[in-house]
């Protein structure tokens, strides 16, 4: 059961990381069509923070639970 829980948590964090990465790619390549984000740099920084948090979670899972 522990292995399945760790795997699920890792996959969730990996999904969050990919989602934030994809959002950054959209901001960088198609920022004209994104009306709700007037400050693209700030929006990218927020997504980078999400990526960092997800990566930290994956590191902690690996370090302490595998």
C-alpha atoms as a PDB file:
ATOM      1  CA  UNK A   1       0.000   0.000   0.000  1.00  0.00           C
ATOM      2  CA  UNK A   2       2.842   2.415   0.844  1.00  0.00           C
ATOM      3  CA  UNK A   3       4.366   2.002  -2.611  1.00  0.00           C
ATOM      4  CA  UNK A   4       1.052   2.777  -4.299  1.00  0.00           C
ATOM      5  CA  UNK A   5       0.557   5.905  -2.192  1.00  0.00           C
ATOM      6  CA  UNK A   6       4.074   7.152  -2.925  1.00  0.00           C
ATOM      7  CA  UNK A   7       3.587   6.443  -6.619  1.00  0.00           C
ATOM      8  CA  UNK A   8       0.274   8.330  -6.657  1.00  0.00           C
ATOM      9  CA  UNK A   9       1.836  11.321  -4.888  1.00  0.00           C
ATOM     10  CA  UNK A  10       4.775  11.327  -7.309  1.00  0.00           C
ATOM     11  CA  UNK A  11       2.484  11.163 -10.317  1.00  0.00           C
ATOM     12  CA  UNK A  12       0.342  13.988  -8.945  1.00  0.00           C
ATOM     13  CA  UNK A  13       3.405  16.196  -8.424  1.00  0.00           C
ATOM     14  CA  UNK A  14       4.735  15.311 -11.880  1.00  0.00           C
ATOM     15  CA  UNK A  15       1.391  16.281 -13.389  1.00  0.00           C
ATOM     16  CA  UNK A  16       1.440  19.631 -11.590  1.00  0.00           C
ATOM     17  CA  UNK A  17       4.973  20.255 -12.822  1.00  0.00           C
ATOM     18  CA  UNK A  18       4.008  19.504 -16.427  1.00  0.00           C
ATOM     19  CA  UNK A  19       0.899  21.669 -16.185  1.00  0.00           C
ATOM     20  CA  UNK A  20       2.907  24.657 -14.970  1.00  0.00           C
ATOM     21  CA  UNK A  21       5.584  24.032 -17.614  1.00  0.00           C
ATOM     22  CA  UNK A  22       2.935  23.946 -20.330  1.00  0.00           C
ATOM     23  CA  UNK A  23       1.413  27.195 -19.065  1.00  0.00           C
ATOM     24  CA  UNK A  24       4.832  28.864 -19.261  1.00  0.00           C
ATOM     25  CA  UNK A  25       5.278  27.612 -22.815  1.00  0.00           C
ATOM     26  CA  UNK A  26       1.883  29.074 -23.749  1.00  0.00           C
ATOM     27  CA  UNK A  27       2.780  32.414 -22.128  1.00  0.00           C
ATOM     28  CA  UNK A  28       6.068  32.525 -24.024  1.00  0.00           C
ATOM     29  CA  UNK A  29       4.718  31.456 -27.399  1.00  0.00           C
ATOM     30  CA  UNK A  30       1.162  32.850 -27.466  1.00  0.00           C
ATOM     31  CA  UNK A  31       1.012  35.625 -24.907  1.00  0.00           C
ATOM     32  CA  UNK A  32      -1.055  37.867 -27.196  1.00  0.00           C
ATOM     33  CA  UNK A  33      -4.128  35.691 -26.747  1.00  0.00           C
ATOM     34  CA  UNK A  34      -4.009  35.631 -22.960  1.00  0.00           C
ATOM     35  CA  UNK A  35      -6.162  38.512 -21.806  1.00  0.00           C
ATOM     36  CA  UNK A  36      -6.422  37.775 -18.093  1.00  0.00           C
ATOM     37  CA  UNK A  37      -2.659  38.070 -17.553  1.00  0.00           C
ATOM     38  CA  UNK A  38      -1.506  41.597 -18.200  1.00  0.00           C
ATOM     39  CA  UNK A  39       1.833  40.930 -16.478  1.00  0.00           C
ATOM     40  CA  UNK A  40       3.228  37.928 -18.326  1.00  0.00           C
ATOM     41  CA  UNK A  41       6.493  37.926 -16.352  1.00  0.00           C
ATOM     42  CA  UNK A  42       4.585  37.717 -13.061  1.00  0.00           C
ATOM     43  CA  UNK A  43       2.415  34.921 -14.432  1.00  0.00           C
ATOM     44  CA  UNK A  44       5.525  33.011 -15.516  1.00  0.00           C
ATOM     45  CA  UNK A  45       7.096  33.501 -12.079  1.00  0.00           C
ATOM     46  CA  UNK A  46       3.977  32.085 -10.441  1.00  0.00           C
ATOM     47  CA  UNK A  47       4.149  29.024 -12.692  1.00  0.00           C
ATOM     48  CA  UNK A  48       7.855  28.626 -11.901  1.00  0.00           C
ATOM     49  CA  UNK A  49       6.975  28.648  -8.203  1.00  0.00           C
ATOM     50  CA  UNK A  50       4.456  25.869  -8.849  1.00  0.00           C
ATOM     51  CA  UNK A  51       7.108  23.889 -10.729  1.00  0.00           C
ATOM     52  CA  UNK A  52       9.579  24.326  -7.872  1.00  0.00           C
ATOM     53  CA  UNK A  53       7.027  23.192  -5.294  1.00  0.00           C
ATOM     54  CA  UNK A  54       6.119  20.116  -7.335  1.00  0.00           C
ATOM     55  CA  UNK A  55       9.764  19.233  -7.872  1.00  0.00           C
ATOM     56  CA  UNK A  56      10.461  19.663  -4.157  1.00  0.00           C
ATOM     57  CA  UNK A  57       7.613  17.268  -3.356  1.00  0.00           C
ATOM     58  CA  UNK A  58       8.987  14.692  -5.777  1.00  0.00           C
ATOM     59  CA  UNK A  59      12.462  15.053  -4.246  1.00  0.00           C
ATOM     60  CA  UNK A  60      11.113  14.648  -0.711  1.00  0.00           C
ATOM     61  CA  UNK A  61       9.112  11.572  -1.688  1.00  0.00           C
ATOM     62  CA  UNK A  62      12.185  10.032  -3.250  1.00  0.00           C
ATOM     63  CA  UNK A  63      14.486  10.959  -0.379  1.00  0.00           C
ATOM     64  CA  UNK A  64      12.263   9.816   2.483  1.00  0.00           C
ATOM     65  CA  UNK A  65       9.890   7.214   1.091  1.00  0.00           C
ATOM     66  CA  UNK A  66      11.697   5.190  -1.574  1.00  0.00           C
END
